[in-house]
Structure formats: structure tokens, C-alpha cells
Amino acid sequence: RLLIGQFLRPVLIANLVAWPLAYVAMRTWLAGFDDQIALSPLY
């Protein structure tokens, strides 16, 4: 638990940093299509 917790913490932080960047990138890419779809937080 100690070792895994130590390594999963940076992965969680990286995900929190990546979410807004991925959201902006996906919105920009999806804006080029005629049929718009909603970006769900589930992705």
C-alpha cells in the first residue's frame, strides 16, 4: 500500500493536469465536424 500509493499519486496529479488540456484539444478538434457531439466527463 505504501509503495503503490507513492506511485499512484503522480499519476492522479498528471490526470488532473491533463483533463483541461484534453478537453480544450477535443473541443477544438470536434468543432471541425458538422455533427456535434457532447463531451461527457465519463470519457
PDB file of all heavy atoms in Angstrom:
ATOM      1  N   ARG A   1       0.837  -1.209   0.000  1.00  0.00           N
ATOM      2  CA  ARG A   1       0.000   0.000   0.000  1.00  0.00           C
ATOM      3  C   ARG A   1       0.871   1.258   0.000  1.00  0.00           C
ATOM      4  O   ARG A   1       0.582   2.229  -0.705  1.00  0.00           O
ATOM      5  CB  ARG A   1      -0.916  -0.011   1.215  1.00  0.00           C
ATOM      6  CG  ARG A   1      -2.060   0.937   1.108  1.00  0.00           C
ATOM      7  CD  ARG A   1      -3.052   0.719   2.212  1.00  0.00           C
ATOM      8  NE  ARG A   1      -2.978  -0.708   2.551  1.00  0.00           N
ATOM      9  CZ  ARG A   1      -3.197  -1.238   3.736  1.00  0.00           C
ATOM     10  NH1 ARG A   1      -3.553  -0.536   4.702  1.00  0.00           N
ATOM     11  NH2 ARG A   1      -3.088  -2.517   3.976  1.00  0.00           N
ATOM     12  N   LEU A   2       1.944   1.262   0.761  1.00  0.00           N
ATOM     13  CA  LEU A   2       2.845   2.406   0.822  1.00  0.00           C
ATOM     14  C   LEU A   2       3.484   2.672  -0.547  1.00  0.00           C
ATOM     15  O   LEU A   2       3.470   3.804  -1.047  1.00  0.00           O
ATOM     16  CB  LEU A   2       3.941   2.163   1.868  1.00  0.00           C
ATOM     17  CG  LEU A   2       5.068   3.192   1.914  1.00  0.00           C
ATOM     18  CD1 LEU A   2       4.590   4.450   2.612  1.00  0.00           C
ATOM     19  CD2 LEU A   2       6.276   2.615   2.599  1.00  0.00           C
ATOM     20  N   LEU A   3       4.027   1.615  -1.145  1.00  0.00           N
ATOM     21  CA  LEU A   3       4.716   1.787  -2.431  1.00  0.00           C
ATOM     22  C   LEU A   3       3.758   2.132  -3.555  1.00  0.00           C
ATOM     23  O   LEU A   3       4.048   3.006  -4.383  1.00  0.00           O
ATOM     24  CB  LEU A   3       5.517   0.524  -2.755  1.00  0.00           C
ATOM     25  CG  LEU A   3       6.694   0.237  -1.821  1.00  0.00           C
ATOM     26  CD1 LEU A   3       7.297  -1.110  -2.139  1.00  0.00           C
ATOM     27  CD2 LEU A   3       7.733   1.336  -1.922  1.00  0.00           C
ATOM     28  N   ILE A   4       2.612   1.471  -3.595  1.00  0.00           N
ATOM     29  CA  ILE A   4       1.650   1.761  -4.657  1.00  0.00           C
ATOM     30  C   ILE A   4       1.077   3.162  -4.494  1.00  0.00           C
ATOM     31  O   ILE A   4       0.908   3.896  -5.469  1.00  0.00           O
ATOM     32  CB  ILE A   4       0.551   0.677  -4.693  1.00  0.00           C
ATOM     33  CG1 ILE A   4       1.132  -0.613  -5.268  1.00  0.00           C
ATOM     34  CG2 ILE A   4      -0.644   1.136  -5.513  1.00  0.00           C
ATOM     35  CD1 ILE A   4       0.183  -1.762  -5.334  1.00  0.00           C
ATOM     36  N   GLY A   5       0.787   3.552  -3.265  1.00  0.00           N
ATOM     37  CA  GLY A   5       0.278   4.905  -3.030  1.00  0.00           C
ATOM     38  C   GLY A   5       1.260   5.964  -3.466  1.00  0.00           C
ATOM     39  O   GLY A   5       0.880   7.016  -3.988  1.00  0.00           O
ATOM     40  N   GLN A   6       2.545   5.686  -3.263  1.00  0.00           N
ATOM     41  CA  GLN A   6       3.581   6.631  -3.655  1.00  0.00           C
ATOM     42  C   GLN A   6       3.616   6.812  -5.173  1.00  0.00           C
ATOM     43  O   GLN A   6       3.869   7.907  -5.657  1.00  0.00           O
ATOM     44  CB  GLN A   6       4.937   6.145  -3.159  1.00  0.00           C
ATOM     45  CG  GLN A   6       6.071   7.053  -3.542  1.00  0.00           C
ATOM     46  CD  GLN A   6       7.414   6.459  -3.197  1.00  0.00           C
ATOM     47  OE1 GLN A   6       7.509   5.340  -2.727  1.00  0.00           O
ATOM     48  NE2 GLN A   6       8.462   7.217  -3.427  1.00  0.00           N
ATOM     49  N   PHE A   7       3.361   5.753  -5.918  1.00  0.00           N
ATOM     50  CA  PHE A   7       3.436   5.847  -7.376  1.00  0.00           C
ATOM     51  C   PHE A   7       2.123   6.263  -8.020  1.00  0.00           C
ATOM     52  O   PHE A   7       2.126   6.805  -9.117  1.00  0.00           O
ATOM     53  CB  PHE A   7       3.916   4.521  -7.973  1.00  0.00           C
ATOM     54  CG  PHE A   7       5.358   4.272  -7.721  1.00  0.00           C
ATOM     55  CD1 PHE A   7       5.760   3.326  -6.806  1.00  0.00           C
ATOM     56  CD2 PHE A   7       6.318   4.998  -8.379  1.00  0.00           C
ATOM     57  CE1 PHE A   7       7.092   3.099  -6.559  1.00  0.00           C
ATOM     58  CE2 PHE A   7       7.659   4.785  -8.138  1.00  0.00           C
ATOM     59  CZ  PHE A   7       8.048   3.833  -7.232  1.00  0.00           C
ATOM     60  N   LEU A   8       1.006   6.014  -7.381  1.00  0.00           N
ATOM     61  CA  LEU A   8      -0.268   6.396  -7.982  1.00  0.00           C
ATOM     62  C   LEU A   8      -0.565   7.887  -7.803  1.00  0.00           C
ATOM     63  O   LEU A   8      -1.315   8.466  -8.586  1.00  0.00           O
ATOM     64  CB  LEU A   8      -1.406   5.559  -7.401  1.00  0.00           C
ATOM     65  CG  LEU A   8      -1.404   4.088  -7.803  1.00  0.00           C
ATOM     66  CD1 LEU A   8      -2.656   3.406  -7.281  1.00  0.00           C
ATOM     67  CD2 LEU A   8      -1.297   3.907  -9.296  1.00  0.00           C
ATOM     68  N   ARG A   9       0.010   8.495  -6.799  1.00  0.00           N
ATOM     69  CA  ARG A   9      -0.218   9.926  -6.567  1.00  0.00           C
ATOM     70  C   ARG A   9       0.210  10.763  -7.779  1.00  0.00           C
ATOM     71  O   ARG A   9      -0.580  11.598  -8.251  1.00  0.00           O
ATOM     72  CB  ARG A   9       0.511  10.360  -5.302  1.00  0.00           C
ATOM     73  CG  ARG A   9       0.012  11.657  -4.741  1.00  0.00           C
ATOM     74  CD  ARG A   9       0.592  11.949  -3.358  1.00  0.00           C
ATOM     75  NE  ARG A   9       0.239  10.890  -2.415  1.00  0.00           N
ATOM     76  CZ  ARG A   9       1.108  10.172  -1.707  1.00  0.00           C
ATOM     77  NH1 ARG A   9       2.390  10.405  -1.824  1.00  0.00           N
ATOM     78  NH2 ARG A   9       0.713   9.232  -0.886  1.00  0.00           N
ATOM     79  N   PRO A  10       1.410  10.584  -8.343  1.00  0.00           N
ATOM     80  CA  PRO A  10       1.764  11.373  -9.533  1.00  0.00           C
ATOM     81  C   PRO A  10       0.868  11.072 -10.744  1.00  0.00           C
ATOM     82  O   PRO A  10       0.616  11.958 -11.557  1.00  0.00           O
ATOM     83  CB  PRO A  10       3.210  10.970  -9.829  1.00  0.00           C
ATOM     84  CG  PRO A  10       3.728  10.408  -8.567  1.00  0.00           C
ATOM     85  CD  PRO A  10       2.562   9.828  -7.846  1.00  0.00           C
ATOM     86  N   VAL A  11       0.398   9.843 -10.850  1.00  0.00           N
ATOM     87  CA  VAL A  11      -0.494   9.508 -11.964  1.00  0.00           C
ATOM     88  C   VAL A  11      -1.804  10.279 -11.824  1.00  0.00           C
ATOM     89  O   VAL A  11      -2.336  10.818 -12.800  1.00  0.00           O
ATOM     90  CB  VAL A  11      -0.739   7.981 -12.031  1.00  0.00           C
ATOM     91  CG1 VAL A  11      -1.782   7.636 -13.071  1.00  0.00           C
ATOM     92  CG2 VAL A  11       0.553   7.247 -12.319  1.00  0.00           C
ATOM     93  N   LEU A  12      -2.317  10.370 -10.614  1.00  0.00           N
ATOM     94  CA  LEU A  12      -3.546  11.146 -10.376  1.00  0.00           C
ATOM     95  C   LEU A  12      -3.336  12.631 -10.670  1.00  0.00           C
ATOM     96  O   LEU A  12      -4.186  13.276 -11.295  1.00  0.00           O
ATOM     97  CB  LEU A  12      -4.021  10.958  -8.936  1.00  0.00           C
ATOM     98  CG  LEU A  12      -4.686   9.637  -8.623  1.00  0.00           C
ATOM     99  CD1 LEU A  12      -4.908   9.501  -7.125  1.00  0.00           C
ATOM    100  CD2 LEU A  12      -5.998   9.521  -9.363  1.00  0.00           C
ATOM    101  N   ILE A  13      -2.215  13.170 -10.226  1.00  0.00           N
ATOM    102  CA  ILE A  13      -1.921  14.585 -10.470  1.00  0.00           C
ATOM    103  C   ILE A  13      -1.784  14.839 -11.971  1.00  0.00           C
ATOM    104  O   ILE A  13      -2.289  15.839 -12.496  1.00  0.00           O
ATOM    105  CB  ILE A  13      -0.657  15.013  -9.705  1.00  0.00           C
ATOM    106  CG1 ILE A  13      -0.942  14.999  -8.201  1.00  0.00           C
ATOM    107  CG2 ILE A  13      -0.189  16.391 -10.143  1.00  0.00           C
ATOM    108  CD1 ILE A  13       0.284  15.152  -7.330  1.00  0.00           C
ATOM    109  N   ALA A  14      -1.126  13.929 -12.676  1.00  0.00           N
ATOM    110  CA  ALA A  14      -0.986  14.071 -14.134  1.00  0.00           C
ATOM    111  C   ALA A  14      -2.343  14.046 -14.821  1.00  0.00           C
ATOM    112  O   ALA A  14      -2.575  14.790 -15.775  1.00  0.00           O
ATOM    113  CB  ALA A  14      -0.091  12.957 -14.682  1.00  0.00           C
ATOM    114  N   ASN A  15      -3.254  13.211 -14.329  1.00  0.00           N
ATOM    115  CA  ASN A  15      -4.597  13.177 -14.906  1.00  0.00           C
ATOM    116  C   ASN A  15      -5.334  14.484 -14.676  1.00  0.00           C
ATOM    117  O   ASN A  15      -6.023  14.982 -15.562  1.00  0.00           O
ATOM    118  CB  ASN A  15      -5.393  12.011 -14.326  1.00  0.00           C
ATOM    119  CG  ASN A  15      -5.131  10.743 -15.075  1.00  0.00           C
ATOM    120  OD1 ASN A  15      -5.494  10.621 -16.225  1.00  0.00           O
ATOM    121  ND2 ASN A  15      -4.483   9.801 -14.428  1.00  0.00           N
ATOM    122  N   LEU A  16      -5.205  15.048 -13.496  1.00  0.00           N
ATOM    123  CA  LEU A  16      -5.878  16.316 -13.209  1.00  0.00           C
ATOM    124  C   LEU A  16      -5.332  17.456 -14.070  1.00  0.00           C
ATOM    125  O   LEU A  16      -6.074  18.361 -14.448  1.00  0.00           O
ATOM    126  CB  LEU A  16      -5.752  16.657 -11.721  1.00  0.00           C
ATOM    127  CG  LEU A  16      -6.526  15.742 -10.784  1.00  0.00           C
ATOM    128  CD1 LEU A  16      -6.265  16.125  -9.330  1.00  0.00           C
ATOM    129  CD2 LEU A  16      -8.018  15.794 -11.088  1.00  0.00           C
ATOM    130  N   VAL A  17      -4.043  17.394 -14.400  1.00  0.00           N
ATOM    131  CA  VAL A  17      -3.460  18.401 -15.286  1.00  0.00           C
ATOM    132  C   VAL A  17      -3.898  18.145 -16.728  1.00  0.00           C
ATOM    133  O   VAL A  17      -4.161  19.089 -17.483  1.00  0.00           O
ATOM    134  CB  VAL A  17      -1.919  18.391 -15.164  1.00  0.00           C
ATOM    135  CG1 VAL A  17      -1.270  19.236 -16.242  1.00  0.00           C
ATOM    136  CG2 VAL A  17      -1.502  18.873 -13.785  1.00  0.00           C
ATOM    137  N   ALA A  18      -4.008  16.887 -17.103  1.00  0.00           N
ATOM    138  CA  ALA A  18      -4.312  16.537 -18.495  1.00  0.00           C
ATOM    139  C   ALA A  18      -5.776  16.772 -18.859  1.00  0.00           C
ATOM    140  O   ALA A  18      -6.082  17.013 -20.029  1.00  0.00           O
ATOM    141  CB  ALA A  18      -3.943  15.084 -18.758  1.00  0.00           C
ATOM    142  N   TRP A  19      -6.689  16.681 -17.894  1.00  0.00           N
ATOM    143  CA  TRP A  19      -8.113  16.822 -18.212  1.00  0.00           C
ATOM    144  C   TRP A  19      -8.440  18.135 -18.917  1.00  0.00           C
ATOM    145  O   TRP A  19      -9.071  18.116 -19.975  1.00  0.00           O
ATOM    146  CB  TRP A  19      -8.958  16.680 -16.956  1.00  0.00           C
ATOM    147  CG  TRP A  19      -9.184  15.281 -16.508  1.00  0.00           C
ATOM    148  CD1 TRP A  19      -8.576  14.146 -16.952  1.00  0.00           C
ATOM    149  CD2 TRP A  19     -10.091  14.862 -15.497  1.00  0.00           C
ATOM    150  NE1 TRP A  19      -9.035  13.064 -16.269  1.00  0.00           N
ATOM    151  CE2 TRP A  19      -9.966  13.474 -15.372  1.00  0.00           C
ATOM    152  CE3 TRP A  19     -10.977  15.527 -14.675  1.00  0.00           C
ATOM    153  CZ2 TRP A  19     -10.717  12.733 -14.481  1.00  0.00           C
ATOM    154  CZ3 TRP A  19     -11.717  14.795 -13.775  1.00  0.00           C
ATOM    155  CH2 TRP A  19     -11.596  13.409 -13.687  1.00  0.00           C
ATOM    156  N   PRO A  20      -8.064  19.296 -18.380  1.00  0.00           N
ATOM    157  CA  PRO A  20      -8.412  20.533 -19.091  1.00  0.00           C
ATOM    158  C   PRO A  20      -7.745  20.630 -20.461  1.00  0.00           C
ATOM    159  O   PRO A  20      -8.362  21.110 -21.419  1.00  0.00           O
ATOM    160  CB  PRO A  20      -7.922  21.662 -18.173  1.00  0.00           C
ATOM    161  CG  PRO A  20      -7.616  21.033 -16.879  1.00  0.00           C
ATOM    162  CD  PRO A  20      -7.423  19.577 -17.103  1.00  0.00           C
ATOM    163  N   LEU A  21      -6.497  20.180 -20.556  1.00  0.00           N
ATOM    164  CA  LEU A  21      -5.809  20.232 -21.847  1.00  0.00           C
ATOM    165  C   LEU A  21      -6.495  19.333 -22.873  1.00  0.00           C
ATOM    166  O   LEU A  21      -6.678  19.719 -24.034  1.00  0.00           O
ATOM    167  CB  LEU A  21      -4.346  19.823 -21.673  1.00  0.00           C
ATOM    168  CG  LEU A  21      -3.506  20.727 -20.766  1.00  0.00           C
ATOM    169  CD1 LEU A  21      -2.126  20.129 -20.555  1.00  0.00           C
ATOM    170  CD2 LEU A  21      -3.412  22.116 -21.339  1.00  0.00           C
ATOM    171  N   ALA A  22      -6.865  18.143 -22.454  1.00  0.00           N
ATOM    172  CA  ALA A  22      -7.554  17.222 -23.359  1.00  0.00           C
ATOM    173  C   ALA A  22      -8.927  17.757 -23.736  1.00  0.00           C
ATOM    174  O   ALA A  22      -9.360  17.616 -24.881  1.00  0.00           O
ATOM    175  CB  ALA A  22      -7.678  15.856 -22.705  1.00  0.00           C
ATOM    176  N   TYR A  23      -9.618  18.394 -22.799  1.00  0.00           N
ATOM    177  CA  TYR A  23     -10.940  18.947 -23.085  1.00  0.00           C
ATOM    178  C   TYR A  23     -10.840  20.032 -24.161  1.00  0.00           C
ATOM    179  O   TYR A  23     -11.600  20.030 -25.126  1.00  0.00           O
ATOM    180  CB  TYR A  23     -11.567  19.514 -21.812  1.00  0.00           C
ATOM    181  CG  TYR A  23     -12.942  20.101 -22.043  1.00  0.00           C
ATOM    182  CD1 TYR A  23     -14.039  19.254 -22.123  1.00  0.00           C
ATOM    183  CD2 TYR A  23     -13.125  21.451 -22.202  1.00  0.00           C
ATOM    184  CE1 TYR A  23     -15.301  19.766 -22.350  1.00  0.00           C
ATOM    185  CE2 TYR A  23     -14.379  21.970 -22.431  1.00  0.00           C
ATOM    186  CZ  TYR A  23     -15.471  21.136 -22.501  1.00  0.00           C
ATOM    187  OH  TYR A  23     -16.711  21.649 -22.743  1.00  0.00           O
ATOM    188  N   VAL A  24      -9.873  20.932 -24.012  1.00  0.00           N
ATOM    189  CA  VAL A  24      -9.702  22.005 -24.997  1.00  0.00           C
ATOM    190  C   VAL A  24      -9.310  21.421 -26.354  1.00  0.00           C
ATOM    191  O   VAL A  24      -9.847  21.822 -27.398  1.00  0.00           O
ATOM    192  CB  VAL A  24      -8.657  23.027 -24.505  1.00  0.00           C
ATOM    193  CG1 VAL A  24      -8.263  23.994 -25.608  1.00  0.00           C
ATOM    194  CG2 VAL A  24      -9.187  23.778 -23.296  1.00  0.00           C
ATOM    195  N   ALA A  25      -8.390  20.454 -26.363  1.00  0.00           N
ATOM    196  CA  ALA A  25      -7.969  19.840 -27.624  1.00  0.00           C
ATOM    197  C   ALA A  25      -9.122  19.114 -28.304  1.00  0.00           C
ATOM    198  O   ALA A  25      -9.306  19.231 -29.525  1.00  0.00           O
ATOM    199  CB  ALA A  25      -6.810  18.877 -27.373  1.00  0.00           C
ATOM    200  N   MET A  26      -9.919  18.391 -27.540  1.00  0.00           N
ATOM    201  CA  MET A  26     -11.044  17.662 -28.127  1.00  0.00           C
ATOM    202  C   MET A  26     -12.120  18.611 -28.638  1.00  0.00           C
ATOM    203  O   MET A  26     -12.717  18.378 -29.694  1.00  0.00           O
ATOM    204  CB  MET A  26     -11.638  16.685 -27.101  1.00  0.00           C
ATOM    205  CG  MET A  26     -10.731  15.517 -26.777  1.00  0.00           C
ATOM    206  SD  MET A  26     -10.270  14.548 -28.223  1.00  0.00           S
ATOM    207  CE  MET A  26     -11.835  13.902 -28.716  1.00  0.00           C
ATOM    208  N   ARG A  27     -12.405  19.687 -27.899  1.00  0.00           N
ATOM    209  CA  ARG A  27     -13.410  20.664 -28.359  1.00  0.00           C
ATOM    210  C   ARG A  27     -12.965  21.296 -29.670  1.00  0.00           C
ATOM    211  O   ARG A  27     -13.760  21.499 -30.578  1.00  0.00           O
ATOM    212  CB  ARG A  27     -13.628  21.766 -27.319  1.00  0.00           C
ATOM    213  CG  ARG A  27     -14.364  21.388 -26.079  1.00  0.00           C
ATOM    214  CD  ARG A  27     -15.669  20.684 -26.248  1.00  0.00           C
ATOM    215  NE  ARG A  27     -16.793  21.436 -26.721  1.00  0.00           N
ATOM    216  CZ  ARG A  27     -17.820  20.864 -27.330  1.00  0.00           C
ATOM    217  NH1 ARG A  27     -17.831  19.581 -27.558  1.00  0.00           N
ATOM    218  NH2 ARG A  27     -18.851  21.556 -27.709  1.00  0.00           N
ATOM    219  N   THR A  28     -11.682  21.627 -29.749  1.00  0.00           N
ATOM    220  CA  THR A  28     -11.155  22.233 -30.968  1.00  0.00           C
ATOM    221  C   THR A  28     -11.245  21.267 -32.141  1.00  0.00           C
ATOM    222  O   THR A  28     -11.650  21.648 -33.242  1.00  0.00           O
ATOM    223  CB  THR A  28      -9.685  22.664 -30.752  1.00  0.00           C
ATOM    224  OG1 THR A  28      -9.630  23.534 -29.622  1.00  0.00           O
ATOM    225  CG2 THR A  28      -9.134  23.358 -31.961  1.00  0.00           C
ATOM    226  N   TRP A  29     -10.891  20.011 -31.909  1.00  0.00           N
ATOM    227  CA  TRP A  29     -10.928  19.023 -32.982  1.00  0.00           C
ATOM    228  C   TRP A  29     -12.362  18.716 -33.399  1.00  0.00           C
ATOM    229  O   TRP A  29     -12.664  18.627 -34.588  1.00  0.00           O
ATOM    230  CB  TRP A  29     -10.214  17.756 -32.515  1.00  0.00           C
ATOM    231  CG  TRP A  29     -10.158  16.676 -33.552  1.00  0.00           C
ATOM    232  CD1 TRP A  29      -9.531  16.720 -34.753  1.00  0.00           C
ATOM    233  CD2 TRP A  29     -10.774  15.397 -33.461  1.00  0.00           C
ATOM    234  NE1 TRP A  29      -9.705  15.545 -35.423  1.00  0.00           N
ATOM    235  CE2 TRP A  29     -10.466  14.710 -34.659  1.00  0.00           C
ATOM    236  CE3 TRP A  29     -11.541  14.764 -32.504  1.00  0.00           C
ATOM    237  CZ2 TRP A  29     -10.907  13.432 -34.900  1.00  0.00           C
ATOM    238  CZ3 TRP A  29     -11.969  13.481 -32.754  1.00  0.00           C
ATOM    239  CH2 TRP A  29     -11.656  12.828 -33.943  1.00  0.00           C
ATOM    240  N   LEU A  30     -13.245  18.565 -32.425  1.00  0.00           N
ATOM    241  CA  LEU A  30     -14.628  18.230 -32.739  1.00  0.00           C
ATOM    242  C   LEU A  30     -15.379  19.387 -33.383  1.00  0.00           C
ATOM    243  O   LEU A  30     -16.397  19.170 -34.045  1.00  0.00           O
ATOM    244  CB  LEU A  30     -15.364  17.771 -31.477  1.00  0.00           C
ATOM    245  CG  LEU A  30     -14.937  16.417 -30.928  1.00  0.00           C
ATOM    246  CD1 LEU A  30     -15.597  16.169 -29.578  1.00  0.00           C
ATOM    247  CD2 LEU A  30     -15.265  15.304 -31.900  1.00  0.00           C
ATOM    248  N   ALA A  31     -14.910  20.614 -33.213  1.00  0.00           N
ATOM    249  CA  ALA A  31     -15.576  21.771 -33.823  1.00  0.00           C
ATOM    250  C   ALA A  31     -15.482  21.727 -35.347  1.00  0.00           C
ATOM    251  O   ALA A  31     -16.287  22.361 -36.033  1.00  0.00           O
ATOM    252  CB  ALA A  31     -14.962  23.061 -33.293  1.00  0.00           C
ATOM    253  N   GLY A  32     -14.548  20.961 -35.883  1.00  0.00           N
ATOM    254  CA  GLY A  32     -14.394  20.864 -37.329  1.00  0.00           C
ATOM    255  C   GLY A  32     -15.397  19.937 -37.998  1.00  0.00           C
ATOM    256  O   GLY A  32     -15.428  19.837 -39.218  1.00  0.00           O
ATOM    257  N   PHE A  33     -16.251  19.276 -37.246  1.00  0.00           N
ATOM    258  CA  PHE A  33     -17.223  18.345 -37.805  1.00  0.00           C
ATOM    259  C   PHE A  33     -18.605  18.982 -37.821  1.00  0.00           C
ATOM    260  O   PHE A  33     -18.945  19.797 -36.955  1.00  0.00           O
ATOM    261  CB  PHE A  33     -17.269  17.051 -36.984  1.00  0.00           C
ATOM    262  CG  PHE A  33     -16.011  16.227 -37.101  1.00  0.00           C
ATOM    263  CD1 PHE A  33     -15.019  16.319 -36.137  1.00  0.00           C
ATOM    264  CD2 PHE A  33     -15.818  15.388 -38.176  1.00  0.00           C
ATOM    265  CE1 PHE A  33     -13.863  15.583 -36.237  1.00  0.00           C
ATOM    266  CE2 PHE A  33     -14.662  14.640 -38.288  1.00  0.00           C
ATOM    267  CZ  PHE A  33     -13.681  14.739 -37.314  1.00  0.00           C
ATOM    268  N   ASP A  34     -19.410  18.600 -38.784  1.00  0.00           N
ATOM    269  CA  ASP A  34     -20.770  19.127 -38.887  1.00  0.00           C
ATOM    270  C   ASP A  34     -21.665  18.595 -37.783  1.00  0.00           C
ATOM    271  O   ASP A  34     -22.468  19.340 -37.221  1.00  0.00           O
ATOM    272  CB  ASP A  34     -21.382  18.780 -40.254  1.00  0.00           C
ATOM    273  CG  ASP A  34     -20.689  19.531 -41.381  1.00  0.00           C
ATOM    274  OD1 ASP A  34     -20.157  20.626 -41.105  1.00  0.00           O
ATOM    275  OD2 ASP A  34     -20.673  19.025 -42.505  1.00  0.00           O
ATOM    276  N   ASP A  35     -21.555  17.310 -37.494  1.00  0.00           N
ATOM    277  CA  ASP A  35     -22.373  16.716 -36.438  1.00  0.00           C
ATOM    278  C   ASP A  35     -21.637  16.849 -35.117  1.00  0.00           C
ATOM    279  O   ASP A  35     -20.628  16.193 -34.881  1.00  0.00           O
ATOM    280  CB  ASP A  35     -22.640  15.228 -36.728  1.00  0.00           C
ATOM    281  CG  ASP A  35     -23.499  15.041 -37.959  1.00  0.00           C
ATOM    282  OD1 ASP A  35     -24.307  15.933 -38.245  1.00  0.00           O
ATOM    283  OD2 ASP A  35     -23.354  14.006 -38.626  1.00  0.00           O
ATOM    284  N   GLN A  36     -22.139  17.719 -34.261  1.00  0.00           N
ATOM    285  CA  GLN A  36     -21.501  17.962 -32.969  1.00  0.00           C
ATOM    286  C   GLN A  36     -21.957  16.916 -31.957  1.00  0.00           C
ATOM    287  O   GLN A  36     -23.119  16.536 -31.932  1.00  0.00           O
ATOM    288  CB  GLN A  36     -21.866  19.362 -32.456  1.00  0.00           C
ATOM    289  CG  GLN A  36     -21.409  20.484 -33.361  1.00  0.00           C
ATOM    290  CD  GLN A  36     -19.904  20.629 -33.377  1.00  0.00           C
ATOM    291  OE1 GLN A  36     -19.273  20.515 -32.341  1.00  0.00           O
ATOM    292  NE2 GLN A  36     -19.332  20.859 -34.544  1.00  0.00           N
ATOM    293  N   ILE A  37     -21.029  16.459 -31.123  1.00  0.00           N
ATOM    294  CA  ILE A  37     -21.375  15.566 -30.025  1.00  0.00           C
ATOM    295  C   ILE A  37     -20.913  16.217 -28.731  1.00  0.00           C
ATOM    296  O   ILE A  37     -19.975  17.016 -28.722  1.00  0.00           O
ATOM    297  CB  ILE A  37     -20.747  14.163 -30.173  1.00  0.00           C
ATOM    298  CG1 ILE A  37     -19.221  14.237 -30.127  1.00  0.00           C
ATOM    299  CG2 ILE A  37     -21.215  13.474 -31.428  1.00  0.00           C
ATOM    300  CD1 ILE A  37     -18.566  12.903 -29.947  1.00  0.00           C
ATOM    301  N   ALA A  38     -21.565  15.878 -27.656  1.00  0.00           N
ATOM    302  CA  ALA A  38     -21.194  16.427 -26.359  1.00  0.00           C
ATOM    303  C   ALA A  38     -20.034  15.623 -25.778  1.00  0.00           C
ATOM    304  O   ALA A  38     -19.987  14.407 -25.911  1.00  0.00           O
ATOM    305  CB  ALA A  38     -22.387  16.381 -25.419  1.00  0.00           C
ATOM    306  N   LEU A  39     -19.121  16.334 -25.146  1.00  0.00           N
ATOM    307  CA  LEU A  39     -18.015  15.669 -24.462  1.00  0.00           C
ATOM    308  C   LEU A  39     -18.469  15.362 -23.044  1.00  0.00           C
ATOM    309  O   LEU A  39     -18.678  16.255 -22.246  1.00  0.00           O
ATOM    310  CB  LEU A  39     -16.789  16.580 -24.412  1.00  0.00           C
ATOM    311  CG  LEU A  39     -15.835  16.486 -25.565  1.00  0.00           C
ATOM    312  CD1 LEU A  39     -14.674  17.449 -25.380  1.00  0.00           C
ATOM    313  CD2 LEU A  39     -15.307  15.101 -25.739  1.00  0.00           C
ATOM    314  N   SER A  40     -18.594  14.093 -22.760  1.00  0.00           N
ATOM    315  CA  SER A  40     -19.034  13.670 -21.444  1.00  0.00           C
ATOM    316  C   SER A  40     -17.838  13.545 -20.507  1.00  0.00           C
ATOM    317  O   SER A  40     -16.758  13.115 -20.936  1.00  0.00           O
ATOM    318  CB  SER A  40     -19.749  12.320 -21.559  1.00  0.00           C
ATOM    319  OG  SER A  40     -19.988  11.785 -20.288  1.00  0.00           O
ATOM    320  N   PRO A  41     -18.010  13.882 -19.229  1.00  0.00           N
ATOM    321  CA  PRO A  41     -16.924  13.660 -18.266  1.00  0.00           C
ATOM    322  C   PRO A  41     -16.578  12.183 -18.100  1.00  0.00           C
ATOM    323  O   PRO A  41     -15.500  11.849 -17.628  1.00  0.00           O
ATOM    324  CB  PRO A  41     -17.472  14.227 -16.959  1.00  0.00           C
ATOM    325  CG  PRO A  41     -18.638  15.044 -17.314  1.00  0.00           C
ATOM    326  CD  PRO A  41     -19.132  14.575 -18.643  1.00  0.00           C
ATOM    327  N   LEU A  42     -17.481  11.301 -18.519  1.00  0.00           N
ATOM    328  CA  LEU A  42     -17.212   9.869 -18.406  1.00  0.00           C
ATOM    329  C   LEU A  42     -16.011   9.444 -19.241  1.00  0.00           C
ATOM    330  O   LEU A  42     -15.298   8.513 -18.878  1.00  0.00           O
ATOM    331  CB  LEU A  42     -18.441   9.069 -18.807  1.00  0.00           C
ATOM    332  CG  LEU A  42     -19.633   9.161 -17.856  1.00  0.00           C
ATOM    333  CD1 LEU A  42     -20.811   8.386 -18.400  1.00  0.00           C
ATOM    334  CD2 LEU A  42     -19.250   8.660 -16.480  1.00  0.00           C
ATOM    335  N   TYR A  43     -15.773  10.126 -20.367  1.00  0.00           N
ATOM    336  CA  TYR A  43     -14.601   9.802 -21.183  1.00  0.00           C
ATOM    337  C   TYR A  43     -13.321  10.066 -20.394  1.00  0.00           C
ATOM    338  O   TYR A  43     -12.385   9.266 -20.418  1.00  0.00           O
ATOM    339  CB  TYR A  43     -14.580  10.633 -22.469  1.00  0.00           C
ATOM    340  CG  TYR A  43     -15.765  10.403 -23.370  1.00  0.00           C
ATOM    341  CD1 TYR A  43     -16.493  11.473 -23.872  1.00  0.00           C
ATOM    342  CD2 TYR A  43     -16.157   9.124 -23.724  1.00  0.00           C
ATOM    343  CE1 TYR A  43     -17.577  11.276 -24.703  1.00  0.00           C
ATOM    344  CE2 TYR A  43     -17.246   8.912 -24.557  1.00  0.00           C
ATOM    345  CZ  TYR A  43     -17.946  10.002 -25.043  1.00  0.00           C
ATOM    346  OH  TYR A  43     -19.017   9.799 -25.859  1.00  0.00           O
TER     347      TYR A  43
END
